[in-house]
Amino acid sequence: TVYTVPGMDPDWLIGERGNQKGKV
């Protein structure tokens, strides 16, 4: 699952896999 947040670099998204989360 991915999404973006304000102020984030456009080449990156936030990714979630279960309880894990990080930039992708």
PDBML (XML) file of the C-alpha atoms, coordinates in Angstrom:
<?xml version="1.0" encoding="UTF-8" ?>
<PDBx:datablock datablockName="MODEL"
   xmlns:PDBx="http://pdbml.pdb.org/schema/pdbx-v50.xsd"
   xmlns:xsi="http://www.w3.org/2001/XMLSchema-instance"
   xsi:schemaLocation="http://pdbml.pdb.org/schema/pdbx-v50.xsd pdbx-v50.xsd">
   <PDBx:atom_siteCategory>
      <PDBx:atom_site id="1">
         <PDBx:B_iso_or_equiv>0.00</PDBx:B_iso_or_equiv>
         <PDBx:Cartn_x>0.000</PDBx:Cartn_x>
         <PDBx:Cartn_y>0.000</PDBx:Cartn_y>
         <PDBx:Cartn_z>0.000</PDBx:Cartn_z>
         <PDBx:auth_asym_id>A</PDBx:auth_asym_id>
         <PDBx:auth_atom_id>CA</PDBx:auth_atom_id>
         <PDBx:auth_comp_id>THR</PDBx:auth_comp_id>
         <PDBx:auth_seq_id>1</PDBx:auth_seq_id>
         <PDBx:group_PDB>ATOM</PDBx:group_PDB>
         <PDBx:label_alt_id xsi:nil="true" />
         <PDBx:label_asym_id>A</PDBx:label_asym_id>
         <PDBx:label_atom_id>CA</PDBx:label_atom_id>
         <PDBx:label_comp_id>THR</PDBx:label_comp_id>
         <PDBx:label_entity_id>1</PDBx:label_entity_id>
         <PDBx:label_seq_id>1</PDBx:label_seq_id>
         <PDBx:occupancy>1.00</PDBx:occupancy>
         <PDBx:pdbx_PDB_model_num>1</PDBx:pdbx_PDB_model_num>
         <PDBx:type_symbol>C</PDBx:type_symbol>
      </PDBx:atom_site>
      <PDBx:atom_site id="2">
         <PDBx:B_iso_or_equiv>0.00</PDBx:B_iso_or_equiv>
         <PDBx:Cartn_x>1.397</PDBx:Cartn_x>
         <PDBx:Cartn_y>3.419</PDBx:Cartn_y>
         <PDBx:Cartn_z>-0.954</PDBx:Cartn_z>
         <PDBx:auth_asym_id>A</PDBx:auth_asym_id>
         <PDBx:auth_atom_id>CA</PDBx:auth_atom_id>
         <PDBx:auth_comp_id>VAL</PDBx:auth_comp_id>
         <PDBx:auth_seq_id>2</PDBx:auth_seq_id>
         <PDBx:group_PDB>ATOM</PDBx:group_PDB>
         <PDBx:label_alt_id xsi:nil="true" />
         <PDBx:label_asym_id>A</PDBx:label_asym_id>
         <PDBx:label_atom_id>CA</PDBx:label_atom_id>
         <PDBx:label_comp_id>VAL</PDBx:label_comp_id>
         <PDBx:label_entity_id>1</PDBx:label_entity_id>
         <PDBx:label_seq_id>2</PDBx:label_seq_id>
         <PDBx:occupancy>1.00</PDBx:occupancy>
         <PDBx:pdbx_PDB_model_num>1</PDBx:pdbx_PDB_model_num>
         <PDBx:type_symbol>C</PDBx:type_symbol>
      </PDBx:atom_site>
      <PDBx:atom_site id="3">
         <PDBx:B_iso_or_equiv>0.00</PDBx:B_iso_or_equiv>
         <PDBx:Cartn_x>0.494</PDBx:Cartn_x>
         <PDBx:Cartn_y>7.036</PDBx:Cartn_y>
         <PDBx:Cartn_z>-0.391</PDBx:Cartn_z>
         <PDBx:auth_asym_id>A</PDBx:auth_asym_id>
         <PDBx:auth_atom_id>CA</PDBx:auth_atom_id>
         <PDBx:auth_comp_id>TYR</PDBx:auth_comp_id>
         <PDBx:auth_seq_id>3</PDBx:auth_seq_id>
         <PDBx:group_PDB>ATOM</PDBx:group_PDB>
         <PDBx:label_alt_id xsi:nil="true" />
         <PDBx:label_asym_id>A</PDBx:label_asym_id>
         <PDBx:label_atom_id>CA</PDBx:label_atom_id>
         <PDBx:label_comp_id>TYR</PDBx:label_comp_id>
         <PDBx:label_entity_id>1</PDBx:label_entity_id>
         <PDBx:label_seq_id>3</PDBx:label_seq_id>
         <PDBx:occupancy>1.00</PDBx:occupancy>
         <PDBx:pdbx_PDB_model_num>1</PDBx:pdbx_PDB_model_num>
         <PDBx:type_symbol>C</PDBx:type_symbol>
      </PDBx:atom_site>
      <PDBx:atom_site id="4">
         <PDBx:B_iso_or_equiv>0.00</PDBx:B_iso_or_equiv>
         <PDBx:Cartn_x>2.143</PDBx:Cartn_x>
         <PDBx:Cartn_y>10.430</PDBx:Cartn_y>
         <PDBx:Cartn_z>-0.315</PDBx:Cartn_z>
         <PDBx:auth_asym_id>A</PDBx:auth_asym_id>
         <PDBx:auth_atom_id>CA</PDBx:auth_atom_id>
         <PDBx:auth_comp_id>THR</PDBx:auth_comp_id>
         <PDBx:auth_seq_id>4</PDBx:auth_seq_id>
         <PDBx:group_PDB>ATOM</PDBx:group_PDB>
         <PDBx:label_alt_id xsi:nil="true" />
         <PDBx:label_asym_id>A</PDBx:label_asym_id>
         <PDBx:label_atom_id>CA</PDBx:label_atom_id>
         <PDBx:label_comp_id>THR</PDBx:label_comp_id>
         <PDBx:label_entity_id>1</PDBx:label_entity_id>
         <PDBx:label_seq_id>4</PDBx:label_seq_id>
         <PDBx:occupancy>1.00</PDBx:occupancy>
         <PDBx:pdbx_PDB_model_num>1</PDBx:pdbx_PDB_model_num>
         <PDBx:type_symbol>C</PDBx:type_symbol>
      </PDBx:atom_site>
      <PDBx:atom_site id="5">
         <PDBx:B_iso_or_equiv>0.00</PDBx:B_iso_or_equiv>
         <PDBx:Cartn_x>2.270</PDBx:Cartn_x>
         <PDBx:Cartn_y>13.158</PDBx:Cartn_y>
         <PDBx:Cartn_z>2.298</PDBx:Cartn_z>
         <PDBx:auth_asym_id>A</PDBx:auth_asym_id>
         <PDBx:auth_atom_id>CA</PDBx:auth_atom_id>
         <PDBx:auth_comp_id>VAL</PDBx:auth_comp_id>
         <PDBx:auth_seq_id>5</PDBx:auth_seq_id>
         <PDBx:group_PDB>ATOM</PDBx:group_PDB>
         <PDBx:label_alt_id xsi:nil="true" />
         <PDBx:label_asym_id>A</PDBx:label_asym_id>
         <PDBx:label_atom_id>CA</PDBx:label_atom_id>
         <PDBx:label_comp_id>VAL</PDBx:label_comp_id>
         <PDBx:label_entity_id>1</PDBx:label_entity_id>
         <PDBx:label_seq_id>5</PDBx:label_seq_id>
         <PDBx:occupancy>1.00</PDBx:occupancy>
         <PDBx:pdbx_PDB_model_num>1</PDBx:pdbx_PDB_model_num>
         <PDBx:type_symbol>C</PDBx:type_symbol>
      </PDBx:atom_site>
      <PDBx:atom_site id="6">
         <PDBx:B_iso_or_equiv>0.00</PDBx:B_iso_or_equiv>
         <PDBx:Cartn_x>2.693</PDBx:Cartn_x>
         <PDBx:Cartn_y>16.925</PDBx:Cartn_y>
         <PDBx:Cartn_z>1.949</PDBx:Cartn_z>
         <PDBx:auth_asym_id>A</PDBx:auth_asym_id>
         <PDBx:auth_atom_id>CA</PDBx:auth_atom_id>
         <PDBx:auth_comp_id>PRO</PDBx:auth_comp_id>
         <PDBx:auth_seq_id>6</PDBx:auth_seq_id>
         <PDBx:group_PDB>ATOM</PDBx:group_PDB>
         <PDBx:label_alt_id xsi:nil="true" />
         <PDBx:label_asym_id>A</PDBx:label_asym_id>
         <PDBx:label_atom_id>CA</PDBx:label_atom_id>
         <PDBx:label_comp_id>PRO</PDBx:label_comp_id>
         <PDBx:label_entity_id>1</PDBx:label_entity_id>
         <PDBx:label_seq_id>6</PDBx:label_seq_id>
         <PDBx:occupancy>1.00</PDBx:occupancy>
         <PDBx:pdbx_PDB_model_num>1</PDBx:pdbx_PDB_model_num>
         <PDBx:type_symbol>C</PDBx:type_symbol>
      </PDBx:atom_site>
      <PDBx:atom_site id="7">
         <PDBx:B_iso_or_equiv>0.00</PDBx:B_iso_or_equiv>
         <PDBx:Cartn_x>6.268</PDBx:Cartn_x>
         <PDBx:Cartn_y>18.063</PDBx:Cartn_y>
         <PDBx:Cartn_z>1.499</PDBx:Cartn_z>
         <PDBx:auth_asym_id>A</PDBx:auth_asym_id>
         <PDBx:auth_atom_id>CA</PDBx:auth_atom_id>
         <PDBx:auth_comp_id>GLY</PDBx:auth_comp_id>
         <PDBx:auth_seq_id>7</PDBx:auth_seq_id>
         <PDBx:group_PDB>ATOM</PDBx:group_PDB>
         <PDBx:label_alt_id xsi:nil="true" />
         <PDBx:label_asym_id>A</PDBx:label_asym_id>
         <PDBx:label_atom_id>CA</PDBx:label_atom_id>
         <PDBx:label_comp_id>GLY</PDBx:label_comp_id>
         <PDBx:label_entity_id>1</PDBx:label_entity_id>
         <PDBx:label_seq_id>7</PDBx:label_seq_id>
         <PDBx:occupancy>1.00</PDBx:occupancy>
         <PDBx:pdbx_PDB_model_num>1</PDBx:pdbx_PDB_model_num>
         <PDBx:type_symbol>C</PDBx:type_symbol>
      </PDBx:atom_site>
      <PDBx:atom_site id="8">
         <PDBx:B_iso_or_equiv>0.00</PDBx:B_iso_or_equiv>
         <PDBx:Cartn_x>7.506</PDBx:Cartn_x>
         <PDBx:Cartn_y>14.701</PDBx:Cartn_y>
         <PDBx:Cartn_z>0.262</PDBx:Cartn_z>
         <PDBx:auth_asym_id>A</PDBx:auth_asym_id>
         <PDBx:auth_atom_id>CA</PDBx:auth_atom_id>
         <PDBx:auth_comp_id>MET</PDBx:auth_comp_id>
         <PDBx:auth_seq_id>8</PDBx:auth_seq_id>
         <PDBx:group_PDB>ATOM</PDBx:group_PDB>
         <PDBx:label_alt_id xsi:nil="true" />
         <PDBx:label_asym_id>A</PDBx:label_asym_id>
         <PDBx:label_atom_id>CA</PDBx:label_atom_id>
         <PDBx:label_comp_id>MET</PDBx:label_comp_id>
         <PDBx:label_entity_id>1</PDBx:label_entity_id>
         <PDBx:label_seq_id>8</PDBx:label_seq_id>
         <PDBx:occupancy>1.00</PDBx:occupancy>
         <PDBx:pdbx_PDB_model_num>1</PDBx:pdbx_PDB_model_num>
         <PDBx:type_symbol>C</PDBx:type_symbol>
      </PDBx:atom_site>
      <PDBx:atom_site id="9">
         <PDBx:B_iso_or_equiv>0.00</PDBx:B_iso_or_equiv>
         <PDBx:Cartn_x>9.893</PDBx:Cartn_x>
         <PDBx:Cartn_y>14.348</PDBx:Cartn_y>
         <PDBx:Cartn_z>-2.673</PDBx:Cartn_z>
         <PDBx:auth_asym_id>A</PDBx:auth_asym_id>
         <PDBx:auth_atom_id>CA</PDBx:auth_atom_id>
         <PDBx:auth_comp_id>ASP</PDBx:auth_comp_id>
         <PDBx:auth_seq_id>9</PDBx:auth_seq_id>
         <PDBx:group_PDB>ATOM</PDBx:group_PDB>
         <PDBx:label_alt_id xsi:nil="true" />
         <PDBx:label_asym_id>A</PDBx:label_asym_id>
         <PDBx:label_atom_id>CA</PDBx:label_atom_id>
         <PDBx:label_comp_id>ASP</PDBx:label_comp_id>
         <PDBx:label_entity_id>1</PDBx:label_entity_id>
         <PDBx:label_seq_id>9</PDBx:label_seq_id>
         <PDBx:occupancy>1.00</PDBx:occupancy>
         <PDBx:pdbx_PDB_model_num>1</PDBx:pdbx_PDB_model_num>
         <PDBx:type_symbol>C</PDBx:type_symbol>
      </PDBx:atom_site>
      <PDBx:atom_site id="10">
         <PDBx:B_iso_or_equiv>0.00</PDBx:B_iso_or_equiv>
         <PDBx:Cartn_x>7.853</PDBx:Cartn_x>
         <PDBx:Cartn_y>13.402</PDBx:Cartn_y>
         <PDBx:Cartn_z>-5.812</PDBx:Cartn_z>
         <PDBx:auth_asym_id>A</PDBx:auth_asym_id>
         <PDBx:auth_atom_id>CA</PDBx:auth_atom_id>
         <PDBx:auth_comp_id>PRO</PDBx:auth_comp_id>
         <PDBx:auth_seq_id>10</PDBx:auth_seq_id>
         <PDBx:group_PDB>ATOM</PDBx:group_PDB>
         <PDBx:label_alt_id xsi:nil="true" />
         <PDBx:label_asym_id>A</PDBx:label_asym_id>
         <PDBx:label_atom_id>CA</PDBx:label_atom_id>
         <PDBx:label_comp_id>PRO</PDBx:label_comp_id>
         <PDBx:label_entity_id>1</PDBx:label_entity_id>
         <PDBx:label_seq_id>10</PDBx:label_seq_id>
         <PDBx:occupancy>1.00</PDBx:occupancy>
         <PDBx:pdbx_PDB_model_num>1</PDBx:pdbx_PDB_model_num>
         <PDBx:type_symbol>C</PDBx:type_symbol>
      </PDBx:atom_site>
      <PDBx:atom_site id="11">
         <PDBx:B_iso_or_equiv>0.00</PDBx:B_iso_or_equiv>
         <PDBx:Cartn_x>10.253</PDBx:Cartn_x>
         <PDBx:Cartn_y>10.528</PDBx:Cartn_y>
         <PDBx:Cartn_z>-6.647</PDBx:Cartn_z>
         <PDBx:auth_asym_id>A</PDBx:auth_asym_id>
         <PDBx:auth_atom_id>CA</PDBx:auth_atom_id>
         <PDBx:auth_comp_id>ASP</PDBx:auth_comp_id>
         <PDBx:auth_seq_id>11</PDBx:auth_seq_id>
         <PDBx:group_PDB>ATOM</PDBx:group_PDB>
         <PDBx:label_alt_id xsi:nil="true" />
         <PDBx:label_asym_id>A</PDBx:label_asym_id>
         <PDBx:label_atom_id>CA</PDBx:label_atom_id>
         <PDBx:label_comp_id>ASP</PDBx:label_comp_id>
         <PDBx:label_entity_id>1</PDBx:label_entity_id>
         <PDBx:label_seq_id>11</PDBx:label_seq_id>
         <PDBx:occupancy>1.00</PDBx:occupancy>
         <PDBx:pdbx_PDB_model_num>1</PDBx:pdbx_PDB_model_num>
         <PDBx:type_symbol>C</PDBx:type_symbol>
      </PDBx:atom_site>
      <PDBx:atom_site id="12">
         <PDBx:B_iso_or_equiv>0.00</PDBx:B_iso_or_equiv>
         <PDBx:Cartn_x>9.265</PDBx:Cartn_x>
         <PDBx:Cartn_y>8.757</PDBx:Cartn_y>
         <PDBx:Cartn_z>-3.406</PDBx:Cartn_z>
         <PDBx:auth_asym_id>A</PDBx:auth_asym_id>
         <PDBx:auth_atom_id>CA</PDBx:auth_atom_id>
         <PDBx:auth_comp_id>TRP</PDBx:auth_comp_id>
         <PDBx:auth_seq_id>12</PDBx:auth_seq_id>
         <PDBx:group_PDB>ATOM</PDBx:group_PDB>
         <PDBx:label_alt_id xsi:nil="true" />
         <PDBx:label_asym_id>A</PDBx:label_asym_id>
         <PDBx:label_atom_id>CA</PDBx:label_atom_id>
         <PDBx:label_comp_id>TRP</PDBx:label_comp_id>
         <PDBx:label_entity_id>1</PDBx:label_entity_id>
         <PDBx:label_seq_id>12</PDBx:label_seq_id>
         <PDBx:occupancy>1.00</PDBx:occupancy>
         <PDBx:pdbx_PDB_model_num>1</PDBx:pdbx_PDB_model_num>
         <PDBx:type_symbol>C</PDBx:type_symbol>
      </PDBx:atom_site>
      <PDBx:atom_site id="13">
         <PDBx:B_iso_or_equiv>0.00</PDBx:B_iso_or_equiv>
         <PDBx:Cartn_x>6.117</PDBx:Cartn_x>
         <PDBx:Cartn_y>7.419</PDBx:Cartn_y>
         <PDBx:Cartn_z>-1.737</PDBx:Cartn_z>
         <PDBx:auth_asym_id>A</PDBx:auth_asym_id>
         <PDBx:auth_atom_id>CA</PDBx:auth_atom_id>
         <PDBx:auth_comp_id>LEU</PDBx:auth_comp_id>
         <PDBx:auth_seq_id>13</PDBx:auth_seq_id>
         <PDBx:group_PDB>ATOM</PDBx:group_PDB>
         <PDBx:label_alt_id xsi:nil="true" />
         <PDBx:label_asym_id>A</PDBx:label_asym_id>
         <PDBx:label_atom_id>CA</PDBx:label_atom_id>
         <PDBx:label_comp_id>LEU</PDBx:label_comp_id>
         <PDBx:label_entity_id>1</PDBx:label_entity_id>
         <PDBx:label_seq_id>13</PDBx:label_seq_id>
         <PDBx:occupancy>1.00</PDBx:occupancy>
         <PDBx:pdbx_PDB_model_num>1</PDBx:pdbx_PDB_model_num>
         <PDBx:type_symbol>C</PDBx:type_symbol>
      </PDBx:atom_site>
      <PDBx:atom_site id="14">
         <PDBx:B_iso_or_equiv>0.00</PDBx:B_iso_or_equiv>
         <PDBx:Cartn_x>5.335</PDBx:Cartn_x>
         <PDBx:Cartn_y>6.010</PDBx:Cartn_y>
         <PDBx:Cartn_z>1.685</PDBx:Cartn_z>
         <PDBx:auth_asym_id>A</PDBx:auth_asym_id>
         <PDBx:auth_atom_id>CA</PDBx:auth_atom_id>
         <PDBx:auth_comp_id>ILE</PDBx:auth_comp_id>
         <PDBx:auth_seq_id>14</PDBx:auth_seq_id>
         <PDBx:group_PDB>ATOM</PDBx:group_PDB>
         <PDBx:label_alt_id xsi:nil="true" />
         <PDBx:label_asym_id>A</PDBx:label_asym_id>
         <PDBx:label_atom_id>CA</PDBx:label_atom_id>
         <PDBx:label_comp_id>ILE</PDBx:label_comp_id>
         <PDBx:label_entity_id>1</PDBx:label_entity_id>
         <PDBx:label_seq_id>14</PDBx:label_seq_id>
         <PDBx:occupancy>1.00</PDBx:occupancy>
         <PDBx:pdbx_PDB_model_num>1</PDBx:pdbx_PDB_model_num>
         <PDBx:type_symbol>C</PDBx:type_symbol>
      </PDBx:atom_site>
      <PDBx:atom_site id="15">
         <PDBx:B_iso_or_equiv>0.00</PDBx:B_iso_or_equiv>
         <PDBx:Cartn_x>4.932</PDBx:Cartn_x>
         <PDBx:Cartn_y>2.238</PDBx:Cartn_y>
         <PDBx:Cartn_z>1.449</PDBx:Cartn_z>
         <PDBx:auth_asym_id>A</PDBx:auth_asym_id>
         <PDBx:auth_atom_id>CA</PDBx:auth_atom_id>
         <PDBx:auth_comp_id>GLY</PDBx:auth_comp_id>
         <PDBx:auth_seq_id>15</PDBx:auth_seq_id>
         <PDBx:group_PDB>ATOM</PDBx:group_PDB>
         <PDBx:label_alt_id xsi:nil="true" />
         <PDBx:label_asym_id>A</PDBx:label_asym_id>
         <PDBx:label_atom_id>CA</PDBx:label_atom_id>
         <PDBx:label_comp_id>GLY</PDBx:label_comp_id>
         <PDBx:label_entity_id>1</PDBx:label_entity_id>
         <PDBx:label_seq_id>15</PDBx:label_seq_id>
         <PDBx:occupancy>1.00</PDBx:occupancy>
         <PDBx:pdbx_PDB_model_num>1</PDBx:pdbx_PDB_model_num>
         <PDBx:type_symbol>C</PDBx:type_symbol>
      </PDBx:atom_site>
      <PDBx:atom_site id="16">
         <PDBx:B_iso_or_equiv>0.00</PDBx:B_iso_or_equiv>
         <PDBx:Cartn_x>3.276</PDBx:Cartn_x>
         <PDBx:Cartn_y>-0.073</PDBx:Cartn_y>
         <PDBx:Cartn_z>3.961</PDBx:Cartn_z>
         <PDBx:auth_asym_id>A</PDBx:auth_asym_id>
         <PDBx:auth_atom_id>CA</PDBx:auth_atom_id>
         <PDBx:auth_comp_id>GLU</PDBx:auth_comp_id>
         <PDBx:auth_seq_id>16</PDBx:auth_seq_id>
         <PDBx:group_PDB>ATOM</PDBx:group_PDB>
         <PDBx:label_alt_id xsi:nil="true" />
         <PDBx:label_asym_id>A</PDBx:label_asym_id>
         <PDBx:label_atom_id>CA</PDBx:label_atom_id>
         <PDBx:label_comp_id>GLU</PDBx:label_comp_id>
         <PDBx:label_entity_id>1</PDBx:label_entity_id>
         <PDBx:label_seq_id>16</PDBx:label_seq_id>
         <PDBx:occupancy>1.00</PDBx:occupancy>
         <PDBx:pdbx_PDB_model_num>1</PDBx:pdbx_PDB_model_num>
         <PDBx:type_symbol>C</PDBx:type_symbol>
      </PDBx:atom_site>
      <PDBx:atom_site id="17">
         <PDBx:B_iso_or_equiv>0.00</PDBx:B_iso_or_equiv>
         <PDBx:Cartn_x>3.495</PDBx:Cartn_x>
         <PDBx:Cartn_y>-3.852</PDBx:Cartn_y>
         <PDBx:Cartn_z>4.210</PDBx:Cartn_z>
         <PDBx:auth_asym_id>A</PDBx:auth_asym_id>
         <PDBx:auth_atom_id>CA</PDBx:auth_atom_id>
         <PDBx:auth_comp_id>ARG</PDBx:auth_comp_id>
         <PDBx:auth_seq_id>17</PDBx:auth_seq_id>
         <PDBx:group_PDB>ATOM</PDBx:group_PDB>
         <PDBx:label_alt_id xsi:nil="true" />
         <PDBx:label_asym_id>A</PDBx:label_asym_id>
         <PDBx:label_atom_id>CA</PDBx:label_atom_id>
         <PDBx:label_comp_id>ARG</PDBx:label_comp_id>
         <PDBx:label_entity_id>1</PDBx:label_entity_id>
         <PDBx:label_seq_id>17</PDBx:label_seq_id>
         <PDBx:occupancy>1.00</PDBx:occupancy>
         <PDBx:pdbx_PDB_model_num>1</PDBx:pdbx_PDB_model_num>
         <PDBx:type_symbol>C</PDBx:type_symbol>
      </PDBx:atom_site>
      <PDBx:atom_site id="18">
         <PDBx:B_iso_or_equiv>0.00</PDBx:B_iso_or_equiv>
         <PDBx:Cartn_x>1.735</PDBx:Cartn_x>
         <PDBx:Cartn_y>-5.172</PDBx:Cartn_y>
         <PDBx:Cartn_z>7.293</PDBx:Cartn_z>
         <PDBx:auth_asym_id>A</PDBx:auth_asym_id>
         <PDBx:auth_atom_id>CA</PDBx:auth_atom_id>
         <PDBx:auth_comp_id>GLY</PDBx:auth_comp_id>
         <PDBx:auth_seq_id>18</PDBx:auth_seq_id>
         <PDBx:group_PDB>ATOM</PDBx:group_PDB>
         <PDBx:label_alt_id xsi:nil="true" />
         <PDBx:label_asym_id>A</PDBx:label_asym_id>
         <PDBx:label_atom_id>CA</PDBx:label_atom_id>
         <PDBx:label_comp_id>GLY</PDBx:label_comp_id>
         <PDBx:label_entity_id>1</PDBx:label_entity_id>
         <PDBx:label_seq_id>18</PDBx:label_seq_id>
         <PDBx:occupancy>1.00</PDBx:occupancy>
         <PDBx:pdbx_PDB_model_num>1</PDBx:pdbx_PDB_model_num>
         <PDBx:type_symbol>C</PDBx:type_symbol>
      </PDBx:atom_site>
      <PDBx:atom_site id="19">
         <PDBx:B_iso_or_equiv>0.00</PDBx:B_iso_or_equiv>
         <PDBx:Cartn_x>3.349</PDBx:Cartn_x>
         <PDBx:Cartn_y>-3.444</PDBx:Cartn_y>
         <PDBx:Cartn_z>10.293</PDBx:Cartn_z>
         <PDBx:auth_asym_id>A</PDBx:auth_asym_id>
         <PDBx:auth_atom_id>CA</PDBx:auth_atom_id>
         <PDBx:auth_comp_id>ASN</PDBx:auth_comp_id>
         <PDBx:auth_seq_id>19</PDBx:auth_seq_id>
         <PDBx:group_PDB>ATOM</PDBx:group_PDB>
         <PDBx:label_alt_id xsi:nil="true" />
         <PDBx:label_asym_id>A</PDBx:label_asym_id>
         <PDBx:label_atom_id>CA</PDBx:label_atom_id>
         <PDBx:label_comp_id>ASN</PDBx:label_comp_id>
         <PDBx:label_entity_id>1</PDBx:label_entity_id>
         <PDBx:label_seq_id>19</PDBx:label_seq_id>
         <PDBx:occupancy>1.00</PDBx:occupancy>
         <PDBx:pdbx_PDB_model_num>1</PDBx:pdbx_PDB_model_num>
         <PDBx:type_symbol>C</PDBx:type_symbol>
      </PDBx:atom_site>
      <PDBx:atom_site id="20">
         <PDBx:B_iso_or_equiv>0.00</PDBx:B_iso_or_equiv>
         <PDBx:Cartn_x>6.345</PDBx:Cartn_x>
         <PDBx:Cartn_y>-2.299</PDBx:Cartn_y>
         <PDBx:Cartn_z>8.243</PDBx:Cartn_z>
         <PDBx:auth_asym_id>A</PDBx:auth_asym_id>
         <PDBx:auth_atom_id>CA</PDBx:auth_atom_id>
         <PDBx:auth_comp_id>GLN</PDBx:auth_comp_id>
         <PDBx:auth_seq_id>20</PDBx:auth_seq_id>
         <PDBx:group_PDB>ATOM</PDBx:group_PDB>
         <PDBx:label_alt_id xsi:nil="true" />
         <PDBx:label_asym_id>A</PDBx:label_asym_id>
         <PDBx:label_atom_id>CA</PDBx:label_atom_id>
         <PDBx:label_comp_id>GLN</PDBx:label_comp_id>
         <PDBx:label_entity_id>1</PDBx:label_entity_id>
         <PDBx:label_seq_id>20</PDBx:label_seq_id>
         <PDBx:occupancy>1.00</PDBx:occupancy>
         <PDBx:pdbx_PDB_model_num>1</PDBx:pdbx_PDB_model_num>
         <PDBx:type_symbol>C</PDBx:type_symbol>
      </PDBx:atom_site>
      <PDBx:atom_site id="21">
         <PDBx:B_iso_or_equiv>0.00</PDBx:B_iso_or_equiv>
         <PDBx:Cartn_x>6.460</PDBx:Cartn_x>
         <PDBx:Cartn_y>1.203</PDBx:Cartn_y>
         <PDBx:Cartn_z>6.804</PDBx:Cartn_z>
         <PDBx:auth_asym_id>A</PDBx:auth_asym_id>
         <PDBx:auth_atom_id>CA</PDBx:auth_atom_id>
         <PDBx:auth_comp_id>LYS</PDBx:auth_comp_id>
         <PDBx:auth_seq_id>21</PDBx:auth_seq_id>
         <PDBx:group_PDB>ATOM</PDBx:group_PDB>
         <PDBx:label_alt_id xsi:nil="true" />
         <PDBx:label_asym_id>A</PDBx:label_asym_id>
         <PDBx:label_atom_id>CA</PDBx:label_atom_id>
         <PDBx:label_comp_id>LYS</PDBx:label_comp_id>
         <PDBx:label_entity_id>1</PDBx:label_entity_id>
         <PDBx:label_seq_id>21</PDBx:label_seq_id>
         <PDBx:occupancy>1.00</PDBx:occupancy>
         <PDBx:pdbx_PDB_model_num>1</PDBx:pdbx_PDB_model_num>
         <PDBx:type_symbol>C</PDBx:type_symbol>
      </PDBx:atom_site>
      <PDBx:atom_site id="22">
         <PDBx:B_iso_or_equiv>0.00</PDBx:B_iso_or_equiv>
         <PDBx:Cartn_x>9.012</PDBx:Cartn_x>
         <PDBx:Cartn_y>3.318</PDBx:Cartn_y>
         <PDBx:Cartn_z>4.949</PDBx:Cartn_z>
         <PDBx:auth_asym_id>A</PDBx:auth_asym_id>
         <PDBx:auth_atom_id>CA</PDBx:auth_atom_id>
         <PDBx:auth_comp_id>GLY</PDBx:auth_comp_id>
         <PDBx:auth_seq_id>22</PDBx:auth_seq_id>
         <PDBx:group_PDB>ATOM</PDBx:group_PDB>
         <PDBx:label_alt_id xsi:nil="true" />
         <PDBx:label_asym_id>A</PDBx:label_asym_id>
         <PDBx:label_atom_id>CA</PDBx:label_atom_id>
         <PDBx:label_comp_id>GLY</PDBx:label_comp_id>
         <PDBx:label_entity_id>1</PDBx:label_entity_id>
         <PDBx:label_seq_id>22</PDBx:label_seq_id>
         <PDBx:occupancy>1.00</PDBx:occupancy>
         <PDBx:pdbx_PDB_model_num>1</PDBx:pdbx_PDB_model_num>
         <PDBx:type_symbol>C</PDBx:type_symbol>
      </PDBx:atom_site>
      <PDBx:atom_site id="23">
         <PDBx:B_iso_or_equiv>0.00</PDBx:B_iso_or_equiv>
         <PDBx:Cartn_x>9.849</PDBx:Cartn_x>
         <PDBx:Cartn_y>5.382</PDBx:Cartn_y>
         <PDBx:Cartn_z>1.900</PDBx:Cartn_z>
         <PDBx:auth_asym_id>A</PDBx:auth_asym_id>
         <PDBx:auth_atom_id>CA</PDBx:auth_atom_id>
         <PDBx:auth_comp_id>LYS</PDBx:auth_comp_id>
         <PDBx:auth_seq_id>23</PDBx:auth_seq_id>
         <PDBx:group_PDB>ATOM</PDBx:group_PDB>
         <PDBx:label_alt_id xsi:nil="true" />
         <PDBx:label_asym_id>A</PDBx:label_asym_id>
         <PDBx:label_atom_id>CA</PDBx:label_atom_id>
         <PDBx:label_comp_id>LYS</PDBx:label_comp_id>
         <PDBx:label_entity_id>1</PDBx:label_entity_id>
         <PDBx:label_seq_id>23</PDBx:label_seq_id>
         <PDBx:occupancy>1.00</PDBx:occupancy>
         <PDBx:pdbx_PDB_model_num>1</PDBx:pdbx_PDB_model_num>
         <PDBx:type_symbol>C</PDBx:type_symbol>
      </PDBx:atom_site>
      <PDBx:atom_site id="24">
         <PDBx:B_iso_or_equiv>0.00</PDBx:B_iso_or_equiv>
         <PDBx:Cartn_x>9.886</PDBx:Cartn_x>
         <PDBx:Cartn_y>3.563</PDBx:Cartn_y>
         <PDBx:Cartn_z>-1.480</PDBx:Cartn_z>
         <PDBx:auth_asym_id>A</PDBx:auth_asym_id>
         <PDBx:auth_atom_id>CA</PDBx:auth_atom_id>
         <PDBx:auth_comp_id>VAL</PDBx:auth_comp_id>
         <PDBx:auth_seq_id>24</PDBx:auth_seq_id>
         <PDBx:group_PDB>ATOM</PDBx:group_PDB>
         <PDBx:label_alt_id xsi:nil="true" />
         <PDBx:label_asym_id>A</PDBx:label_asym_id>
         <PDBx:label_atom_id>CA</PDBx:label_atom_id>
         <PDBx:label_comp_id>VAL</PDBx:label_comp_id>
         <PDBx:label_entity_id>1</PDBx:label_entity_id>
         <PDBx:label_seq_id>24</PDBx:label_seq_id>
         <PDBx:occupancy>1.00</PDBx:occupancy>
         <PDBx:pdbx_PDB_model_num>1</PDBx:pdbx_PDB_model_num>
         <PDBx:type_symbol>C</PDBx:type_symbol>
      </PDBx:atom_site>
   </PDBx:atom_siteCategory>
</PDBx:datablock>
